[in-house]
Protein backbone atom coordinates (compact mmCIF):
# COMPACT_ATOMS: atom_id res chain seq x y z
CA MET A 1 9.52 -10.55 12.97
CA VAL A 2 5.47 -8.70 12.65
CA LYS A 3 3.26 -10.40 13.78
CA PRO A 4 0.13 -11.45 10.88
CA LEU A 5 -2.91 -9.86 11.93
CA PRO A 6 -5.95 -11.83 12.53
CA LYS A 7 -8.28 -12.84 9.83
CA VAL A 8 -12.41 -11.80 9.59
CA PRO A 9 -15.09 -11.99 7.32
CA HIS A 10 -15.43 -9.06 4.81
CA ILE A 11 -17.81 -7.62 2.46
CA ILE A 12 -16.10 -7.19 -1.56
CA THR A 13 -18.75 -5.78 -3.49
CA ILE A 14 -18.40 -6.12 -7.24
CA ASP A 15 -20.30 -5.43 -10.20
CA ASN A 16 -23.38 -5.38 -7.76
CA ASP A 17 -22.87 -8.92 -6.23
CA LYS A 18 -21.62 -9.15 -2.84
CA PHE A 19 -18.83 -11.91 -2.14
CA THR A 20 -17.41 -12.94 1.27
CA ALA A 21 -13.98 -13.26 1.96
CA LEU A 22 -11.51 -13.88 4.91
CA LEU A 23 -9.01 -10.88 5.14
CA PRO A 24 -6.99 -8.62 7.89
CA ASP A 25 -8.84 -6.27 9.74
CA ILE A 26 -7.36 -3.39 8.58
CA TYR A 27 -10.06 -2.15 6.58
CA ASP A 28 -12.11 -0.21 9.04
CA ASP A 29 -10.83 3.47 8.61
CA ILE A 30 -10.69 2.60 4.46
CA LYS A 31 -13.65 1.13 3.52
CA THR A 32 -15.32 3.38 1.43
CA VAL A 33 -12.32 4.25 -0.77
CA VAL A 34 -11.41 0.64 -1.14
CA GLY A 35 -14.87 -0.33 -1.25
CA ILE A 36 -13.94 -3.12 1.06
CA ALA A 37 -16.32 -3.40 4.16
CA LYS A 38 -16.31 -5.63 7.55
CA ALA A 39 -19.04 -8.02 7.71
CA PRO A 40 -21.28 -7.24 10.61
CA ASP A 41 -21.39 -10.00 13.40
CA PRO A 42 -24.67 -10.69 12.78
CA ASP A 43 -24.62 -11.31 9.07
CA ASP A 44 -27.67 -11.79 7.67
CA THR A 45 -26.04 -10.84 3.94
CA VAL A 46 -27.17 -12.85 0.86
CA TYR A 47 -23.64 -13.52 -0.95
CA LYS A 48 -23.17 -14.50 -4.31
CA GLY A 49 -20.47 -17.00 -3.34
CA ARG A 50 -16.78 -16.92 -1.32
CA LEU A 51 -14.31 -14.95 -2.83
CA THR A 52 -10.73 -16.23 -4.17
CA ILE A 53 -8.08 -13.36 -3.99
CA SER A 54 -5.41 -14.43 -6.00
CA LYS A 55 -8.52 -15.77 -8.54
CA ALA A 56 -9.84 -12.18 -8.60
CA ILE A 57 -6.79 -10.27 -9.05
CA GLU A 58 -5.87 -12.23 -11.85
CA GLU A 59 -9.29 -11.45 -13.21
CA GLY A 60 -8.72 -7.68 -13.07
CA HIS A 61 -11.75 -7.51 -10.34
CA LEU A 62 -9.20 -6.58 -7.53
CA ILE A 63 -5.87 -4.52 -7.16
CA ARG A 64 -2.95 -4.66 -4.43
CA ILE A 65 -2.23 -1.35 -3.73
CA ASN A 66 1.35 -0.73 -1.49
CA CYS A 67 0.93 1.64 1.43
CA ARG A 68 4.27 2.94 3.24
CA LEU A 69 3.12 3.57 6.80
CA LYS A 70 4.35 6.70 9.35
CA ASP A 71 6.76 4.02 11.01
CA ASN A 72 8.25 2.82 7.34
CA LYS A 73 6.28 -0.62 7.34
CA VAL A 74 4.76 -1.48 3.95
CA ARG A 75 1.21 -2.89 4.30
CA THR A 76 -0.43 -4.30 0.94
CA VAL A 77 -4.26 -3.50 1.01
CA LEU A 78 -6.49 -4.70 -2.02
CA CYS A 79 -9.10 -2.24 -3.46
CA ILE A 80 -11.75 -3.28 -6.08
CA ALA A 81 -10.90 -2.33 -9.75
CA SER A 82 -13.88 0.58 -9.97
CA LYS A 83 -12.02 2.56 -7.00
CA PHE A 84 -8.55 2.46 -7.82
CA THR A 85 -7.90 5.46 -9.75
CA SER A 86 -9.59 7.44 -6.34
CA ALA A 87 -8.30 4.85 -3.99
CA MET A 88 -4.46 6.01 -4.71
CA GLY A 89 -5.12 9.65 -3.32
CA GLY A 90 -7.64 8.68 -1.06
CA LEU A 91 -5.74 6.46 1.09
CA LEU A 92 -3.06 9.36 1.57
CA PRO A 93 -5.06 10.84 4.66
CA LYS A 94 -5.88 7.58 6.24
CA LYS A 95 -5.02 5.06 8.61
CA VAL A 96 -4.19 1.49 7.80
CA ALA A 97 -3.52 -0.99 10.85
CA GLY A 98 -3.55 2.22 13.22
CA GLN A 99 -0.55 3.86 11.08
CA ASP A 100 -0.93 6.87 8.94
CA VAL A 101 -0.42 6.62 5.26
CA LYS A 102 2.77 8.16 3.94
CA THR A 103 2.96 6.74 0.16
CA THR A 104 1.19 4.83 -2.04
CA ASN A 105 2.10 2.82 -5.00
CA ILE A 106 0.92 -0.45 -6.77
CA PRO A 107 3.30 -3.52 -6.82
CA ARG A 108 5.84 -3.66 -9.78
CA ARG A 109 6.63 -7.41 -9.88
CA MET A 110 4.74 -10.40 -9.15
CA ARG A 111 5.50 -13.69 -7.76
CA LEU A 112 4.27 -16.25 -10.07
CA GLY A 113 3.10 -19.92 -8.64
């Protein structure tokens, strides 16, 4: 069984508004590609509020991207909608959770409820 990664605060910028959310610590190498960055430790950023991930996906602000890694595991990362088109190809030379990304795709099924 895979251990879940610890969740840390991240900054998500949507339409020039900064929101905070707790996400797994896998966005270090891909922060410029997906538009989500780890919050600095002494955090003095002014936030618009706390972001609910499922609501942001439902409203179309965030998109899930599945990344198949070199060890054949799949990690799901979030991407802001404005960077989605460049993120699909931009993730390929990067590392997610310390592993090289082989392929990217979007989930075709969505679990409701």
